[in-house]
Amino acid sequence: MFGIESTPRDREVYEETLRDFLPDAIVDCHVHLWTPRCREGFLRPDSLVSWPDLVAADCTFEDLEASYRAMFPGKKVRAVLMTTPTCHLAAGNAYVEDLIRKTGLPAFFCIRPETGEEEIRAAFARGFSGVKPYLNYAPSYIPPKEIRIYDFLTPAQLRLMDELGGKVMLHIARDGRLADPVNIAQLMEIDEKYPNAKVIVAHIGRAYTAEALGNAFDTLKNSRNLLFDFTANTFEPAITACLRAVGPGRLLFGSDMPITKMRMYRVTENGNYINVVPRGLYGDVSGDPHMRESDDGDRITTFMYEELLAFRKAAEKTGLTRREIADVMAGNTVRLFGMQA
């Protein structure tokens, strides 16, 4: 699907609840770009959730821009670029590197634990601004439920990011997600040992349910440098807890495009998040514990809007000013990457 076609429900949601709330300038710090060639022959790990693949087979830069125009009429939207870790990294990184030259936008370099210092330094010299490690590149002998941050983002890589002031887009592992005590301990250690590395905890640590959020911010509020994005997170209590713990200056908007093209709303049951989607739109989803169909498809809008509606509720609960909302939606990322306002 190239771009996205807005429905009457989309236009209703945008015009009545989002257009005036959102600033005129938006910067999306978390997108994934790849062409069909980047995934040819790639075997997706069985340990990863499969529902995102139902939304888009690929996402080019032109596709991204077309989607932004449809979703955010009247707004100027830019992105921090990144390929997807679920592709051949050499091909995906090369595609993004070409876009850096063409657009001047900042970008993350996707890495594995074995990616060495020289390769990362060379990538930065070619225009990349940060790195994106991912849990599926942890050593295969480690059970998925036991993967720790240092299993896919090494201390040597963190030391280099600390030296360079590099950005890190960090998607944490483990079933407990943000609430997992090992994750909390390692995040606090990273915050203390690598203060000059700009570490973004993606998806607010994948805290999509009350159980995954837990009391994590009782400890993480004591961090000094960690940043958080609320990418693909519609769980308002997590966004609210993050704002109250670390303030709007350390929260960033990200979308996870093209995944947020999905038509859905999210419910939680027994610690599990469930995407409720229009019946038949994404094929047979009966075997996926994160998917459920509804016959009320005409009233279902996009994942993107659902995420932003959750942020609006959190902003209202925490009393954010217009300036603070603009910082979360753009200003914080502009300053982080040295972009022109």
C-alpha atoms as a PDB file:
ATOM      1  CA  MET A   1       0.000   0.000   0.000  1.00  0.00           C
ATOM      2  CA  PHE A   2       1.582   3.257  -1.141  1.00  0.00           C
ATOM      3  CA  GLY A   3       0.714   6.121   1.172  1.00  0.00           C
ATOM      4  CA  ILE A   4      -2.647   5.875   2.879  1.00  0.00           C
ATOM      5  CA  GLU A   5      -6.176   6.835   1.875  1.00  0.00           C
ATOM      6  CA  SER A   6      -7.984   8.775   4.588  1.00  0.00           C
ATOM      7  CA  THR A   7     -11.488   7.654   5.504  1.00  0.00           C
ATOM      8  CA  PRO A   8     -14.358   9.806   6.810  1.00  0.00           C
ATOM      9  CA  ARG A   9     -13.513   8.504  10.293  1.00  0.00           C
ATOM     10  CA  ASP A  10      -9.864   9.569   9.883  1.00  0.00           C
ATOM     11  CA  ARG A  11     -10.894  13.071   8.825  1.00  0.00           C
ATOM     12  CA  GLU A  12     -13.316  13.316  11.732  1.00  0.00           C
ATOM     13  CA  VAL A  13     -10.652  12.336  14.273  1.00  0.00           C
ATOM     14  CA  TYR A  14      -8.036  14.644  12.791  1.00  0.00           C
ATOM     15  CA  GLU A  15     -10.240  17.706  12.426  1.00  0.00           C
ATOM     16  CA  GLU A  16     -12.039  17.385  15.755  1.00  0.00           C
ATOM     17  CA  THR A  17      -9.278  16.228  18.092  1.00  0.00           C
ATOM     18  CA  LEU A  18      -5.808  16.428  16.545  1.00  0.00           C
ATOM     19  CA  ARG A  19      -5.344  19.280  14.059  1.00  0.00           C
ATOM     20  CA  ASP A  20      -5.511  22.096  16.625  1.00  0.00           C
ATOM     21  CA  PHE A  21      -3.704  20.074  19.293  1.00  0.00           C
ATOM     22  CA  LEU A  22      -0.673  19.290  17.133  1.00  0.00           C
ATOM     23  CA  PRO A  23       1.958  21.934  16.346  1.00  0.00           C
ATOM     24  CA  ASP A  24       2.490  23.067  12.772  1.00  0.00           C
ATOM     25  CA  ALA A  25       5.931  21.378  12.668  1.00  0.00           C
ATOM     26  CA  ILE A  26       6.335  17.698  13.560  1.00  0.00           C
ATOM     27  CA  VAL A  27       9.502  15.587  13.637  1.00  0.00           C
ATOM     28  CA  ASP A  28       9.107  11.817  13.727  1.00  0.00           C
ATOM     29  CA  CYS A  29      12.157  10.304  15.456  1.00  0.00           C
ATOM     30  CA  HIS A  30      11.343   6.638  14.754  1.00  0.00           C
ATOM     31  CA  VAL A  31      10.485   5.331  11.277  1.00  0.00           C
ATOM     32  CA  HIS A  32      11.586   2.334   9.231  1.00  0.00           C
ATOM     33  CA  LEU A  33      12.444   2.517   5.535  1.00  0.00           C
ATOM     34  CA  TRP A  34      13.310  -0.303   3.159  1.00  0.00           C
ATOM     35  CA  THR A  35      12.699  -1.427  -0.394  1.00  0.00           C
ATOM     36  CA  PRO A  36      11.571  -4.921  -1.467  1.00  0.00           C
ATOM     37  CA  ARG A  37      15.188  -5.715  -2.421  1.00  0.00           C
ATOM     38  CA  CYS A  38      16.312  -5.142   1.175  1.00  0.00           C
ATOM     39  CA  ARG A  39      14.285  -8.169   2.317  1.00  0.00           C
ATOM     40  CA  GLU A  40      14.855 -10.593  -0.544  1.00  0.00           C
ATOM     41  CA  GLY A  41      15.712 -13.943   1.048  1.00  0.00           C
ATOM     42  CA  PHE A  42      15.664 -12.537   4.589  1.00  0.00           C
ATOM     43  CA  LEU A  43      14.411 -15.020   7.195  1.00  0.00           C
ATOM     44  CA  ARG A  44      12.471 -13.266   9.930  1.00  0.00           C
ATOM     45  CA  PRO A  45      13.215 -14.708  13.410  1.00  0.00           C
ATOM     46  CA  ASP A  46      10.360 -16.770  14.826  1.00  0.00           C
ATOM     47  CA  SER A  47      10.754 -15.028  18.192  1.00  0.00           C
ATOM     48  CA  LEU A  48       9.470 -11.695  16.827  1.00  0.00           C
ATOM     49  CA  VAL A  49       5.807 -10.752  16.626  1.00  0.00           C
ATOM     50  CA  SER A  50       4.483 -11.206  13.106  1.00  0.00           C
ATOM     51  CA  TRP A  51       1.537  -8.797  12.938  1.00  0.00           C
ATOM     52  CA  PRO A  52       3.588  -5.767  11.766  1.00  0.00           C
ATOM     53  CA  ASP A  53       4.298  -7.572   8.491  1.00  0.00           C
ATOM     54  CA  LEU A  54       0.565  -7.525   7.728  1.00  0.00           C
ATOM     55  CA  VAL A  55       0.601  -3.750   7.352  1.00  0.00           C
ATOM     56  CA  ALA A  56       3.285  -3.083   4.747  1.00  0.00           C
ATOM     57  CA  ALA A  57       5.626  -5.181   2.638  1.00  0.00           C
ATOM     58  CA  ASP A  58       8.019  -2.232   2.328  1.00  0.00           C
ATOM     59  CA  CYS A  59       8.236   1.498   2.990  1.00  0.00           C
ATOM     60  CA  THR A  60      10.169   3.833   0.741  1.00  0.00           C
ATOM     61  CA  PHE A  61      10.867   7.469   1.551  1.00  0.00           C
ATOM     62  CA  GLU A  62       8.315   8.503  -1.069  1.00  0.00           C
ATOM     63  CA  ASP A  63       5.735   6.227   0.569  1.00  0.00           C
ATOM     64  CA  LEU A  64       6.480   7.810   3.950  1.00  0.00           C
ATOM     65  CA  GLU A  65       6.064  11.346   2.625  1.00  0.00           C
ATOM     66  CA  ALA A  66       2.782  10.461   0.893  1.00  0.00           C
ATOM     67  CA  SER A  67       1.456   8.988   4.146  1.00  0.00           C
ATOM     68  CA  TYR A  68       2.430  12.090   6.114  1.00  0.00           C
ATOM     69  CA  ARG A  69       0.615  14.337   3.621  1.00  0.00           C
ATOM     70  CA  ALA A  70      -2.554  12.277   3.987  1.00  0.00           C
ATOM     71  CA  MET A  71      -2.372  11.950   7.762  1.00  0.00           C
ATOM     72  CA  PHE A  72      -1.286  15.476   8.659  1.00  0.00           C
ATOM     73  CA  PRO A  73      -2.832  17.991   6.263  1.00  0.00           C
ATOM     74  CA  GLY A  74      -1.623  21.492   6.985  1.00  0.00           C
ATOM     75  CA  LYS A  75       1.441  20.297   8.935  1.00  0.00           C
ATOM     76  CA  LYS A  76       5.128  20.110   8.034  1.00  0.00           C
ATOM     77  CA  VAL A  77       6.407  16.637   8.944  1.00  0.00           C
ATOM     78  CA  ARG A  78      10.021  15.478   8.850  1.00  0.00           C
ATOM     79  CA  ALA A  79      11.619  12.255  10.026  1.00  0.00           C
ATOM     80  CA  VAL A  80      14.787  10.789  11.459  1.00  0.00           C
ATOM     81  CA  LEU A  81      15.552   7.938   9.077  1.00  0.00           C
ATOM     82  CA  MET A  82      16.342   4.301   9.807  1.00  0.00           C
ATOM     83  CA  THR A  83      16.025   1.032   7.956  1.00  0.00           C
ATOM     84  CA  THR A  84      14.341  -1.944   9.578  1.00  0.00           C
ATOM     85  CA  PRO A  85      16.390  -4.495  11.548  1.00  0.00           C
ATOM     86  CA  THR A  86      14.221  -7.183   9.947  1.00  0.00           C
ATOM     87  CA  CYS A  87      15.989  -6.916   6.595  1.00  0.00           C
ATOM     88  CA  HIS A  88      19.498  -7.349   5.204  1.00  0.00           C
ATOM     89  CA  LEU A  89      21.261  -4.580   7.101  1.00  0.00           C
ATOM     90  CA  ALA A  90      23.853  -3.864   4.430  1.00  0.00           C
ATOM     91  CA  ALA A  91      21.111  -3.206   1.868  1.00  0.00           C
ATOM     92  CA  GLY A  92      18.871  -1.306   4.278  1.00  0.00           C
ATOM     93  CA  ASN A  93      21.661   0.888   5.623  1.00  0.00           C
ATOM     94  CA  ALA A  94      22.823   1.636   2.073  1.00  0.00           C
ATOM     95  CA  TYR A  95      19.303   2.731   1.114  1.00  0.00           C
ATOM     96  CA  VAL A  96      19.123   5.080   4.113  1.00  0.00           C
ATOM     97  CA  GLU A  97      22.634   6.416   3.448  1.00  0.00           C
ATOM     98  CA  ASP A  98      21.539   7.434  -0.033  1.00  0.00           C
ATOM     99  CA  LEU A  99      18.573   9.246   1.508  1.00  0.00           C
ATOM    100  CA  ILE A 100      20.868  11.133   3.905  1.00  0.00           C
ATOM    101  CA  ARG A 101      22.691  12.568   0.886  1.00  0.00           C
ATOM    102  CA  LYS A 102      19.453  13.400  -0.930  1.00  0.00           C
ATOM    103  CA  THR A 103      17.446  14.862   1.966  1.00  0.00           C
ATOM    104  CA  GLY A 104      19.949  16.030   4.584  1.00  0.00           C
ATOM    105  CA  LEU A 105      17.878  14.308   7.276  1.00  0.00           C
ATOM    106  CA  PRO A 106      19.568  12.585  10.251  1.00  0.00           C
ATOM    107  CA  ALA A 107      19.599   8.809  10.434  1.00  0.00           C
ATOM    108  CA  PHE A 108      20.411   5.759  12.555  1.00  0.00           C
ATOM    109  CA  PHE A 109      22.847   3.073  11.408  1.00  0.00           C
ATOM    110  CA  CYS A 110      21.459  -0.399  12.167  1.00  0.00           C
ATOM    111  CA  ILE A 111      24.077  -2.585  13.866  1.00  0.00           C
ATOM    112  CA  ARG A 112      24.713  -6.054  15.247  1.00  0.00           C
ATOM    113  CA  PRO A 113      26.658  -6.833  18.465  1.00  0.00           C
ATOM    114  CA  GLU A 114      29.682  -7.710  16.322  1.00  0.00           C
ATOM    115  CA  THR A 115      29.633  -4.386  14.437  1.00  0.00           C
ATOM    116  CA  GLY A 116      33.026  -2.919  15.278  1.00  0.00           C
ATOM    117  CA  GLU A 117      34.285   0.546  16.143  1.00  0.00           C
ATOM    118  CA  GLU A 118      35.831   1.217  12.746  1.00  0.00           C
ATOM    119  CA  GLU A 119      32.633   0.383  10.878  1.00  0.00           C
ATOM    120  CA  ILE A 120      30.555   2.634  13.128  1.00  0.00           C
ATOM    121  CA  ARG A 121      33.041   5.509  12.920  1.00  0.00           C
ATOM    122  CA  ALA A 122      33.009   5.194   9.140  1.00  0.00           C
ATOM    123  CA  ALA A 123      29.215   5.274   9.107  1.00  0.00           C
ATOM    124  CA  PHE A 124      29.218   8.460  11.187  1.00  0.00           C
ATOM    125  CA  ALA A 125      31.741   9.998   8.782  1.00  0.00           C
ATOM    126  CA  ARG A 126      29.287   9.263   5.964  1.00  0.00           C
ATOM    127  CA  GLY A 127      26.473  11.117   7.723  1.00  0.00           C
ATOM    128  CA  PHE A 128      24.804   8.768  10.214  1.00  0.00           C
ATOM    129  CA  SER A 129      24.040  10.305  13.621  1.00  0.00           C
ATOM    130  CA  GLY A 130      23.379   7.264  15.786  1.00  0.00           C
ATOM    131  CA  VAL A 131      22.968   3.505  15.961  1.00  0.00           C
ATOM    132  CA  LYS A 132      20.035   1.127  16.141  1.00  0.00           C
ATOM    133  CA  PRO A 133      20.793  -2.231  17.779  1.00  0.00           C
ATOM    134  CA  TYR A 134      18.065  -4.836  17.942  1.00  0.00           C
ATOM    135  CA  LEU A 135      17.302  -7.806  20.130  1.00  0.00           C
ATOM    136  CA  ASN A 136      16.996 -10.301  17.263  1.00  0.00           C
ATOM    137  CA  TYR A 137      20.769 -10.001  16.714  1.00  0.00           C
ATOM    138  CA  ALA A 138      21.615 -11.252  20.212  1.00  0.00           C
ATOM    139  CA  PRO A 139      23.550 -14.566  20.125  1.00  0.00           C
ATOM    140  CA  SER A 140      21.237 -17.394  19.132  1.00  0.00           C
ATOM    141  CA  TYR A 141      22.163 -19.527  22.142  1.00  0.00           C
ATOM    142  CA  ILE A 142      20.451 -17.044  24.484  1.00  0.00           C
ATOM    143  CA  PRO A 143      16.755 -17.907  25.016  1.00  0.00           C
ATOM    144  CA  PRO A 144      14.578 -14.987  23.818  1.00  0.00           C
ATOM    145  CA  LYS A 145      13.053 -14.528  27.266  1.00  0.00           C
ATOM    146  CA  GLU A 146      16.515 -14.063  28.790  1.00  0.00           C
ATOM    147  CA  ILE A 147      18.050 -11.520  26.394  1.00  0.00           C
ATOM    148  CA  ARG A 148      19.618  -8.560  28.180  1.00  0.00           C
ATOM    149  CA  ILE A 149      20.484  -5.158  26.722  1.00  0.00           C
ATOM    150  CA  TYR A 150      24.211  -5.927  26.706  1.00  0.00           C
ATOM    151  CA  ASP A 151      23.562  -9.062  24.643  1.00  0.00           C
ATOM    152  CA  PHE A 152      22.687  -6.937  21.597  1.00  0.00           C
ATOM    153  CA  LEU A 153      24.244  -3.543  22.454  1.00  0.00           C
ATOM    154  CA  THR A 154      27.751  -4.094  23.744  1.00  0.00           C
ATOM    155  CA  PRO A 155      29.622  -1.996  26.316  1.00  0.00           C
ATOM    156  CA  ALA A 156      32.240  -1.269  23.630  1.00  0.00           C
ATOM    157  CA  GLN A 157      29.556   0.164  21.360  1.00  0.00           C
ATOM    158  CA  LEU A 158      28.162   2.217  24.230  1.00  0.00           C
ATOM    159  CA  ARG A 159      31.634   3.556  25.050  1.00  0.00           C
ATOM    160  CA  LEU A 160      31.974   4.666  21.434  1.00  0.00           C
ATOM    161  CA  MET A 161      28.578   6.385  21.517  1.00  0.00           C
ATOM    162  CA  ASP A 162      29.622   8.085  24.741  1.00  0.00           C
ATOM    163  CA  GLU A 163      32.804   9.307  23.053  1.00  0.00           C
ATOM    164  CA  LEU A 164      31.006  10.523  19.930  1.00  0.00           C
ATOM    165  CA  GLY A 165      27.876  11.849  21.607  1.00  0.00           C
ATOM    166  CA  GLY A 166      26.021   9.400  19.373  1.00  0.00           C
ATOM    167  CA  LYS A 167      22.348   8.596  19.567  1.00  0.00           C
ATOM    168  CA  VAL A 168      21.085   5.099  20.349  1.00  0.00           C
ATOM    169  CA  MET A 169      17.579   3.903  19.499  1.00  0.00           C
ATOM    170  CA  LEU A 170      17.118   1.127  22.052  1.00  0.00           C
ATOM    171  CA  HIS A 171      14.317  -1.446  21.815  1.00  0.00           C
ATOM    172  CA  ILE A 172      14.539  -3.493  25.013  1.00  0.00           C
ATOM    173  CA  ALA A 173      13.860  -7.233  25.254  1.00  0.00           C
ATOM    174  CA  ARG A 174      12.392  -9.577  27.900  1.00  0.00           C
ATOM    175  CA  ASP A 175       8.752 -10.417  28.621  1.00  0.00           C
ATOM    176  CA  GLY A 176       8.584  -7.991  31.538  1.00  0.00           C
ATOM    177  CA  ARG A 177       9.487  -5.125  29.212  1.00  0.00           C
ATOM    178  CA  LEU A 178      10.046  -1.810  31.016  1.00  0.00           C
ATOM    179  CA  ALA A 179       9.043  -3.321  34.362  1.00  0.00           C
ATOM    180  CA  ASP A 180      11.656  -6.085  34.159  1.00  0.00           C
ATOM    181  CA  PRO A 181      14.209  -5.547  36.966  1.00  0.00           C
ATOM    182  CA  VAL A 182      17.145  -6.538  34.756  1.00  0.00           C
ATOM    183  CA  ASN A 183      16.124  -3.962  32.160  1.00  0.00           C
ATOM    184  CA  ILE A 184      15.699  -1.280  34.823  1.00  0.00           C
ATOM    185  CA  ALA A 185      19.087  -2.056  36.366  1.00  0.00           C
ATOM    186  CA  GLN A 186      20.901  -2.004  33.024  1.00  0.00           C
ATOM    187  CA  LEU A 187      19.156   1.200  31.896  1.00  0.00           C
ATOM    188  CA  MET A 188      20.244   2.920  35.103  1.00  0.00           C
ATOM    189  CA  GLU A 189      23.794   1.603  34.657  1.00  0.00           C
ATOM    190  CA  ILE A 190      23.898   2.882  31.068  1.00  0.00           C
ATOM    191  CA  ASP A 191      22.609   6.258  32.243  1.00  0.00           C
ATOM    192  CA  GLU A 192      25.409   6.486  34.818  1.00  0.00           C
ATOM    193  CA  LYS A 193      28.338   5.008  32.860  1.00  0.00           C
ATOM    194  CA  TYR A 194      27.683   6.567  29.434  1.00  0.00           C
ATOM    195  CA  PRO A 195      26.268  10.049  30.162  1.00  0.00           C
ATOM    196  CA  ASN A 196      27.247  11.487  26.781  1.00  0.00           C
ATOM    197  CA  ALA A 197      25.501   8.744  24.788  1.00  0.00           C
ATOM    198  CA  LYS A 198      22.021   9.929  23.812  1.00  0.00           C
ATOM    199  CA  VAL A 199      20.033   6.770  24.559  1.00  0.00           C
ATOM    200  CA  ILE A 200      16.375   6.764  23.500  1.00  0.00           C
ATOM    201  CA  VAL A 201      14.320   4.034  25.177  1.00  0.00           C
ATOM    202  CA  ALA A 202      11.964   3.176  22.323  1.00  0.00           C
ATOM    203  CA  HIS A 203       8.218   2.703  22.857  1.00  0.00           C
ATOM    204  CA  ILE A 204       8.632   3.798  26.513  1.00  0.00           C
ATOM    205  CA  GLY A 205      10.257   0.424  26.990  1.00  0.00           C
ATOM    206  CA  ARG A 206       7.386  -1.407  25.232  1.00  0.00           C
ATOM    207  CA  ALA A 207       5.129  -0.578  28.200  1.00  0.00           C
ATOM    208  CA  TYR A 208       1.881  -1.275  26.359  1.00  0.00           C
ATOM    209  CA  THR A 209       0.037  -2.636  29.428  1.00  0.00           C
ATOM    210  CA  ALA A 210      -0.130  -1.918  33.143  1.00  0.00           C
ATOM    211  CA  GLU A 211       1.902  -5.046  33.828  1.00  0.00           C
ATOM    212  CA  ALA A 212       4.655  -3.996  31.411  1.00  0.00           C
ATOM    213  CA  LEU A 213       4.784  -0.539  32.984  1.00  0.00           C
ATOM    214  CA  GLY A 214       4.718  -1.632  36.605  1.00  0.00           C
ATOM    215  CA  ASN A 215       6.564   0.745  38.922  1.00  0.00           C
ATOM    216  CA  ALA A 216       9.515   1.195  36.575  1.00  0.00           C
ATOM    217  CA  PHE A 217       9.506   4.974  36.827  1.00  0.00           C
ATOM    218  CA  ASP A 218       9.910   4.843  40.596  1.00  0.00           C
ATOM    219  CA  THR A 219      13.538   4.047  39.693  1.00  0.00           C
ATOM    220  CA  LEU A 220      13.887   5.510  36.197  1.00  0.00           C
ATOM    221  CA  LYS A 221      12.821   8.943  37.439  1.00  0.00           C
ATOM    222  CA  ASN A 222      16.295   9.090  38.981  1.00  0.00           C
ATOM    223  CA  SER A 223      17.982   8.809  35.584  1.00  0.00           C
ATOM    224  CA  ARG A 224      19.615  11.960  34.271  1.00  0.00           C
ATOM    225  CA  ASN A 225      20.175  11.366  30.576  1.00  0.00           C
ATOM    226  CA  LEU A 226      17.829   8.673  29.283  1.00  0.00           C
ATOM    227  CA  LEU A 227      15.350   9.787  26.637  1.00  0.00           C
ATOM    228  CA  PHE A 228      12.081   8.029  25.831  1.00  0.00           C
ATOM    229  CA  ASP A 229       9.908   7.895  22.726  1.00  0.00           C
ATOM    230  CA  PHE A 230       6.254   6.886  22.791  1.00  0.00           C
ATOM    231  CA  THR A 231       6.450   5.282  19.376  1.00  0.00           C
ATOM    232  CA  ALA A 232       3.529   2.915  18.642  1.00  0.00           C
ATOM    233  CA  ASN A 233       2.374   3.211  22.242  1.00  0.00           C
ATOM    234  CA  THR A 234      -1.327   3.896  22.782  1.00  0.00           C
ATOM    235  CA  PHE A 235      -1.216   3.174  26.535  1.00  0.00           C
ATOM    236  CA  GLU A 236      -1.858   6.615  28.004  1.00  0.00           C
ATOM    237  CA  PRO A 237      -0.840   5.660  31.580  1.00  0.00           C
ATOM    238  CA  ALA A 238       2.686   4.871  30.303  1.00  0.00           C
ATOM    239  CA  ILE A 239       2.987   8.238  28.545  1.00  0.00           C
ATOM    240  CA  THR A 240       1.613  10.017  31.614  1.00  0.00           C
ATOM    241  CA  ALA A 241       3.991   8.169  33.950  1.00  0.00           C
ATOM    242  CA  CYS A 242       6.944   9.029  31.724  1.00  0.00           C
ATOM    243  CA  LEU A 243       6.004  12.716  31.596  1.00  0.00           C
ATOM    244  CA  ARG A 244       5.610  12.888  35.367  1.00  0.00           C
ATOM    245  CA  ALA A 245       8.887  11.066  35.989  1.00  0.00           C
ATOM    246  CA  VAL A 246      11.301  12.756  33.574  1.00  0.00           C
ATOM    247  CA  GLY A 247       9.362  15.699  32.155  1.00  0.00           C
ATOM    248  CA  PRO A 248       8.464  16.713  28.590  1.00  0.00           C
ATOM    249  CA  GLY A 249      12.059  17.624  27.767  1.00  0.00           C
ATOM    250  CA  ARG A 250      13.024  13.948  27.590  1.00  0.00           C
ATOM    251  CA  LEU A 251      10.025  12.576  25.688  1.00  0.00           C
ATOM    252  CA  LEU A 252      10.030  12.319  21.879  1.00  0.00           C
ATOM    253  CA  PHE A 253       7.367  11.603  19.296  1.00  0.00           C
ATOM    254  CA  GLY A 254       7.988   8.630  17.027  1.00  0.00           C
ATOM    255  CA  SER A 255       5.569   6.684  14.871  1.00  0.00           C
ATOM    256  CA  ASP A 256       7.145   3.358  13.829  1.00  0.00           C
ATOM    257  CA  MET A 257       5.907   4.024  10.308  1.00  0.00           C
ATOM    258  CA  PRO A 258       4.814   2.161   8.260  1.00  0.00           C
ATOM    259  CA  ILE A 259       3.322   0.048  11.085  1.00  0.00           C
ATOM    260  CA  THR A 260       1.107   2.925  12.242  1.00  0.00           C
ATOM    261  CA  LYS A 261      -0.755   2.865   8.949  1.00  0.00           C
ATOM    262  CA  MET A 262      -2.608  -0.062  10.503  1.00  0.00           C
ATOM    263  CA  ARG A 263      -6.317   0.463  11.151  1.00  0.00           C
ATOM    264  CA  MET A 264      -6.783  -0.532  14.764  1.00  0.00           C
ATOM    265  CA  TYR A 265      -7.410   0.357  18.336  1.00  0.00           C
ATOM    266  CA  ARG A 266      -5.803  -1.409  21.249  1.00  0.00           C
ATOM    267  CA  VAL A 267      -7.201  -3.152  24.316  1.00  0.00           C
ATOM    268  CA  THR A 268      -5.356  -4.989  27.064  1.00  0.00           C
ATOM    269  CA  GLU A 269      -6.332  -8.252  28.731  1.00  0.00           C
ATOM    270  CA  ASN A 270      -4.381 -10.159  31.380  1.00  0.00           C
ATOM    271  CA  GLY A 271      -1.149  -8.342  30.564  1.00  0.00           C
ATOM    272  CA  ASN A 272      -1.489  -8.841  26.814  1.00  0.00           C
ATOM    273  CA  TYR A 273      -2.087  -6.072  24.275  1.00  0.00           C
ATOM    274  CA  ILE A 274      -4.566  -6.782  21.480  1.00  0.00           C
ATOM    275  CA  ASN A 275      -4.912  -4.827  18.240  1.00  0.00           C
ATOM    276  CA  VAL A 276      -8.577  -4.717  17.247  1.00  0.00           C
ATOM    277  CA  VAL A 277      -8.781  -4.437  13.444  1.00  0.00           C
ATOM    278  CA  PRO A 278     -11.550  -4.353  10.799  1.00  0.00           C
ATOM    279  CA  ARG A 279     -12.688  -7.849   9.926  1.00  0.00           C
ATOM    280  CA  GLY A 280     -10.919  -9.284   6.895  1.00  0.00           C
ATOM    281  CA  LEU A 281      -8.603  -6.323   6.319  1.00  0.00           C
ATOM    282  CA  TYR A 282      -5.426  -8.183   7.305  1.00  0.00           C
ATOM    283  CA  GLY A 283      -6.346 -11.722   6.331  1.00  0.00           C
ATOM    284  CA  ASP A 284      -6.616 -14.557   8.831  1.00  0.00           C
ATOM    285  CA  VAL A 285      -5.388 -13.273  12.186  1.00  0.00           C
ATOM    286  CA  SER A 286      -7.090 -15.916  14.334  1.00  0.00           C
ATOM    287  CA  GLY A 287      -3.787 -17.464  15.385  1.00  0.00           C
ATOM    288  CA  ASP A 288      -2.159 -14.243  16.575  1.00  0.00           C
ATOM    289  CA  PRO A 289      -2.642 -13.481  20.297  1.00  0.00           C
ATOM    290  CA  HIS A 290      -2.085  -9.776  19.597  1.00  0.00           C
ATOM    291  CA  MET A 291      -4.850  -9.493  16.978  1.00  0.00           C
ATOM    292  CA  ARG A 292      -8.648  -9.506  17.067  1.00  0.00           C
ATOM    293  CA  GLU A 293     -11.229  -8.612  14.423  1.00  0.00           C
ATOM    294  CA  SER A 294     -14.230  -6.304  14.727  1.00  0.00           C
ATOM    295  CA  ASP A 295     -17.279  -5.706  12.541  1.00  0.00           C
ATOM    296  CA  ASP A 296     -17.179  -1.997  13.444  1.00  0.00           C
ATOM    297  CA  GLY A 297     -14.489  -1.240  10.864  1.00  0.00           C
ATOM    298  CA  ASP A 298     -15.992   2.050   9.687  1.00  0.00           C
ATOM    299  CA  ARG A 299     -15.328   3.537  13.132  1.00  0.00           C
ATOM    300  CA  ILE A 300     -11.712   2.361  13.356  1.00  0.00           C
ATOM    301  CA  THR A 301      -9.022   4.922  12.545  1.00  0.00           C
ATOM    302  CA  THR A 302      -5.263   4.528  12.224  1.00  0.00           C
ATOM    303  CA  PHE A 303      -2.681   3.379  14.738  1.00  0.00           C
ATOM    304  CA  MET A 304      -0.982   6.765  14.194  1.00  0.00           C
ATOM    305  CA  TYR A 305      -4.046   8.673  15.363  1.00  0.00           C
ATOM    306  CA  GLU A 306      -4.663   6.281  18.262  1.00  0.00           C
ATOM    307  CA  GLU A 307      -1.106   6.914  19.477  1.00  0.00           C
ATOM    308  CA  LEU A 308      -1.535  10.680  19.225  1.00  0.00           C
ATOM    309  CA  LEU A 309      -4.910  10.573  20.966  1.00  0.00           C
ATOM    310  CA  ALA A 310      -3.199   8.790  23.871  1.00  0.00           C
ATOM    311  CA  PHE A 311      -0.521  11.497  23.946  1.00  0.00           C
ATOM    312  CA  ARG A 312      -3.186  14.195  23.971  1.00  0.00           C
ATOM    313  CA  LYS A 313      -4.847  12.584  27.012  1.00  0.00           C
ATOM    314  CA  ALA A 314      -1.480  12.369  28.776  1.00  0.00           C
ATOM    315  CA  ALA A 315      -0.702  15.993  27.900  1.00  0.00           C
ATOM    316  CA  GLU A 316      -4.023  17.088  29.372  1.00  0.00           C
ATOM    317  CA  LYS A 317      -3.517  15.010  32.525  1.00  0.00           C
ATOM    318  CA  THR A 318      -0.057  16.463  33.126  1.00  0.00           C
ATOM    319  CA  GLY A 319      -0.936  20.021  32.123  1.00  0.00           C
ATOM    320  CA  LEU A 320       1.548  20.396  29.271  1.00  0.00           C
ATOM    321  CA  THR A 321       1.763  23.844  27.739  1.00  0.00           C
ATOM    322  CA  ARG A 322       1.580  24.470  23.999  1.00  0.00           C
ATOM    323  CA  ARG A 323       5.357  24.966  24.009  1.00  0.00           C
ATOM    324  CA  GLU A 324       5.934  21.672  25.791  1.00  0.00           C
ATOM    325  CA  ILE A 325       3.654  19.815  23.362  1.00  0.00           C
ATOM    326  CA  ALA A 326       5.604  21.350  20.470  1.00  0.00           C
ATOM    327  CA  ASP A 327       8.860  20.240  22.093  1.00  0.00           C
ATOM    328  CA  VAL A 328       7.683  16.636  22.413  1.00  0.00           C
ATOM    329  CA  MET A 329       6.347  16.587  18.856  1.00  0.00           C
ATOM    330  CA  ALA A 330       9.370  18.287  17.278  1.00  0.00           C
ATOM    331  CA  GLY A 331      11.626  20.550  19.312  1.00  0.00           C
ATOM    332  CA  ASN A 332      13.333  17.913  21.444  1.00  0.00           C
ATOM    333  CA  THR A 333      14.310  15.896  18.366  1.00  0.00           C
ATOM    334  CA  VAL A 334      15.379  19.014  16.458  1.00  0.00           C
ATOM    335  CA  ARG A 335      17.791  19.928  19.251  1.00  0.00           C
ATOM    336  CA  LEU A 336      18.977  16.355  19.778  1.00  0.00           C
ATOM    337  CA  PHE A 337      20.029  15.950  16.146  1.00  0.00           C
ATOM    338  CA  GLY A 338      21.008  19.557  15.451  1.00  0.00           C
ATOM    339  CA  MET A 339      18.324  19.921  12.793  1.00  0.00           C
ATOM    340  CA  GLN A 340      17.174  23.268  11.505  1.00  0.00           C
ATOM    341  CA  ALA A 341      13.978  24.367  13.260  1.00  0.00           C
END
